[in-house]
C-alpha atoms as a PDB file:
ATOM      1  CA  MET A   1      -0.072  -0.075  -0.467  1.00  0.00           C
ATOM      2  CA  ASN A   2       3.129   2.338   0.870  1.00  0.00           C
ATOM      3  CA  LEU A   3       4.436   1.695  -2.517  1.00  0.00           C
ATOM      4  CA  VAL A   4       1.040   3.193  -4.445  1.00  0.00           C
ATOM      5  CA  PHE A   5       0.816   5.923  -2.591  1.00  0.00           C
ATOM      6  CA  SER A   6       4.443   6.413  -2.837  1.00  0.00           C
ATOM      7  CA  VAL A   7       4.643   6.376  -6.638  1.00  0.00           C
ATOM      8  CA  VAL A   8       1.145   9.011  -6.958  1.00  0.00           C
ATOM      9  CA  ALA A   9       3.090  10.943  -5.182  1.00  0.00           C
ATOM     10  CA  SER A  10       6.846  10.726  -6.893  1.00  0.00           C
ATOM     11  CA  LEU A  11       4.704  11.205  -9.838  1.00  0.00           C
ATOM     12  CA  LEU A  12       3.154  14.301  -8.549  1.00  0.00           C
ATOM     13  CA  GLN A  13       5.840  15.994  -7.503  1.00  0.00           C
ATOM     14  CA  VAL A  14       8.103  14.860 -10.933  1.00  0.00           C
ATOM     15  CA  TYR A  15       4.645  17.000 -12.809  1.00  0.00           C
ATOM     16  CA  SER A  16       5.549  19.834 -10.798  1.00  0.00           C
ATOM     17  CA  TYR A  17       9.401  20.262 -11.717  1.00  0.00           C
ATOM     18  CA  ALA A  18       8.193  19.201 -15.480  1.00  0.00           C
ATOM     19  CA  ILE A  19       6.016  22.260 -15.302  1.00  0.00           C
ATOM     20  CA  ILE A  20       9.052  24.758 -13.685  1.00  0.00           C
ATOM     21  CA  ILE A  21      11.496  23.320 -16.612  1.00  0.00           C
ATOM     22  CA  TYR A  22       8.870  24.335 -19.247  1.00  0.00           C
ATOM     23  CA  ILE A  23       8.305  27.938 -17.556  1.00  0.00           C
ATOM     24  CA  LEU A  24      12.065  28.213 -17.747  1.00  0.00           C
ATOM     25  CA  MET A  25      12.337  27.441 -21.109  1.00  0.00           C
ATOM     26  CA  SER A  26      10.417  30.571 -21.790  1.00  0.00           C
ATOM     27  CA  TRP A  27      13.797  32.442 -21.057  1.00  0.00           C
ATOM     28  CA  PHE A  28      14.993  31.246 -23.698  1.00  0.00           C
ATOM     29  CA  PRO A  29      14.453  32.102 -27.017  1.00  0.00           C
ATOM     30  CA  ASN A  30      13.022  29.486 -29.199  1.00  0.00           C
ATOM     31  CA  ALA A  31      13.424  26.601 -25.840  1.00  0.00           C
ATOM     32  CA  ARG A  32       9.584  25.849 -26.131  1.00  0.00           C
ATOM     33  CA  GLU A  33      10.047  25.124 -30.155  1.00  0.00           C
ATOM     34  CA  SER A  34      12.603  22.856 -29.547  1.00  0.00           C
ATOM     35  CA  ARG A  35      11.066  18.957 -29.302  1.00  0.00           C
ATOM     36  CA  PHE A  36      11.931  19.013 -25.512  1.00  0.00           C
ATOM     37  CA  GLY A  37       9.953  21.948 -25.316  1.00  0.00           C
ATOM     38  CA  GLN A  38       6.818  20.467 -27.421  1.00  0.00           C
ATOM     39  CA  ILE A  39       7.011  17.580 -25.636  1.00  0.00           C
ATOM     40  CA  LEU A  40       6.939  19.640 -21.981  1.00  0.00           C
ATOM     41  CA  ALA A  41       4.348  21.771 -23.822  1.00  0.00           C
ATOM     42  CA  SER A  42       1.887  18.988 -24.093  1.00  0.00           C
ATOM     43  CA  VAL A  43       2.407  17.856 -20.732  1.00  0.00           C
ATOM     44  CA  ALA A  44       2.111  20.742 -18.620  1.00  0.00           C
ATOM     45  CA  GLU A  45      -0.589  22.917 -20.952  1.00  0.00           C
ATOM     46  CA  PRO A  46      -4.127  21.029 -20.341  1.00  0.00           C
ATOM     47  CA  PHE A  47      -2.770  21.083 -16.353  1.00  0.00           C
ATOM     48  CA  LEU A  48      -2.261  25.667 -16.692  1.00  0.00           C
ATOM     49  CA  GLU A  49      -4.643  25.876 -19.329  1.00  0.00           C
ATOM     50  CA  PRO A  50      -7.479  25.869 -16.469  1.00  0.00           C
ATOM     51  CA  PHE A  51      -5.213  28.179 -13.986  1.00  0.00           C
ATOM     52  CA  ARG A  52      -4.795  30.904 -16.947  1.00  0.00           C
ATOM     53  CA  ARG A  53      -8.255  31.133 -17.574  1.00  0.00           C
ATOM     54  CA  ILE A  54      -9.061  31.868 -13.692  1.00  0.00           C
ATOM     55  CA  ILE A  55      -5.537  34.161 -13.130  1.00  0.00           C
ATOM     56  CA  PRO A  56      -5.344  36.942 -15.366  1.00  0.00           C
ATOM     57  CA  SER A  57      -1.311  37.916 -15.847  1.00  0.00           C
ATOM     58  CA  LEU A  58      -0.022  40.784 -14.749  1.00  0.00           C
ATOM     59  CA  GLY A  59       1.689  42.207 -18.075  1.00  0.00           C
ATOM     60  CA  MET A  60       4.363  40.034 -19.336  1.00  0.00           C
ATOM     61  CA  ILE A  61       3.985  38.216 -15.777  1.00  0.00           C
ATOM     62  CA  ASP A  62       1.613  34.834 -15.795  1.00  0.00           C
ATOM     63  CA  LEU A  63       1.144  33.566 -12.202  1.00  0.00           C
ATOM     64  CA  SER A  64      -1.323  30.675 -12.972  1.00  0.00           C
ATOM     65  CA  PRO A  65       1.942  27.825 -13.103  1.00  0.00           C
ATOM     66  CA  ILE A  66       2.550  29.497  -9.368  1.00  0.00           C
ATOM     67  CA  ALA A  67      -1.154  28.347  -8.462  1.00  0.00           C
ATOM     68  CA  ALA A  68      -0.765  25.196 -10.649  1.00  0.00           C
ATOM     69  CA  ILE A  69       2.556  23.878  -8.658  1.00  0.00           C
ATOM     70  CA  LEU A  70       1.118  24.787  -5.406  1.00  0.00           C
ATOM     71  CA  VAL A  71      -2.120  23.048  -5.531  1.00  0.00           C
ATOM     72  CA  LEU A  72       0.000  19.876  -7.039  1.00  0.00           C
ATOM     73  CA  ASN A  73       1.799  20.301  -3.896  1.00  0.00           C
ATOM     74  CA  LEU A  74      -1.206  19.714  -1.937  1.00  0.00           C
ATOM     75  CA  ALA A  75      -2.803  17.201  -4.215  1.00  0.00           C
ATOM     76  CA  GLN A  76       0.965  15.511  -2.550  1.00  0.00           C
ATOM     77  CA  GLY A  77      -0.113  16.518   0.677  1.00  0.00           C
ATOM     78  CA  GLY A  78      -3.573  15.357   0.439  1.00  0.00           C
ATOM     79  CA  VAL A  79      -2.661  11.533  -0.918  1.00  0.00           C
ATOM     80  CA  TRP A  80       0.086  11.399   2.088  1.00  0.00           C
ATOM     81  CA  ALA A  81      -3.059  12.581   4.767  1.00  0.00           C
ATOM     82  CA  LEU A  82      -4.603   9.790   2.945  1.00  0.00           C
ATOM     83  CA  TYR A  83      -2.580   7.017   3.245  1.00  0.00           C
ATOM     84  CA  ARG A  84      -2.300   8.122   7.313  1.00  0.00           C
ATOM     85  CA  MET A  85      -5.743   8.057   7.613  1.00  0.00           C
ATOM     86  CA  ILE A  86      -5.800   3.822   5.921  1.00  0.00           C
ATOM     87  CA  VAL A  87      -2.970   3.437   7.778  1.00  0.00           C
END
């Protein structure tokens, strides 16, 4: 049982890292147009899009990834809280 919860929590953490890398790629010209950037976009954009519709950007600053990462971290904490309730 611990293995299942550990894998789910690890996957959420890896997804958070993927979003962070995707956002940092915007600082480098043409990084998002590379093959790696396109793969990260196909992984990160579906999750970021609802946050972008809710949270307006402040000029050139997009705050939606911060909210998305916060939600992922809360979900990761929720996974462990659920595990503690079950065990």
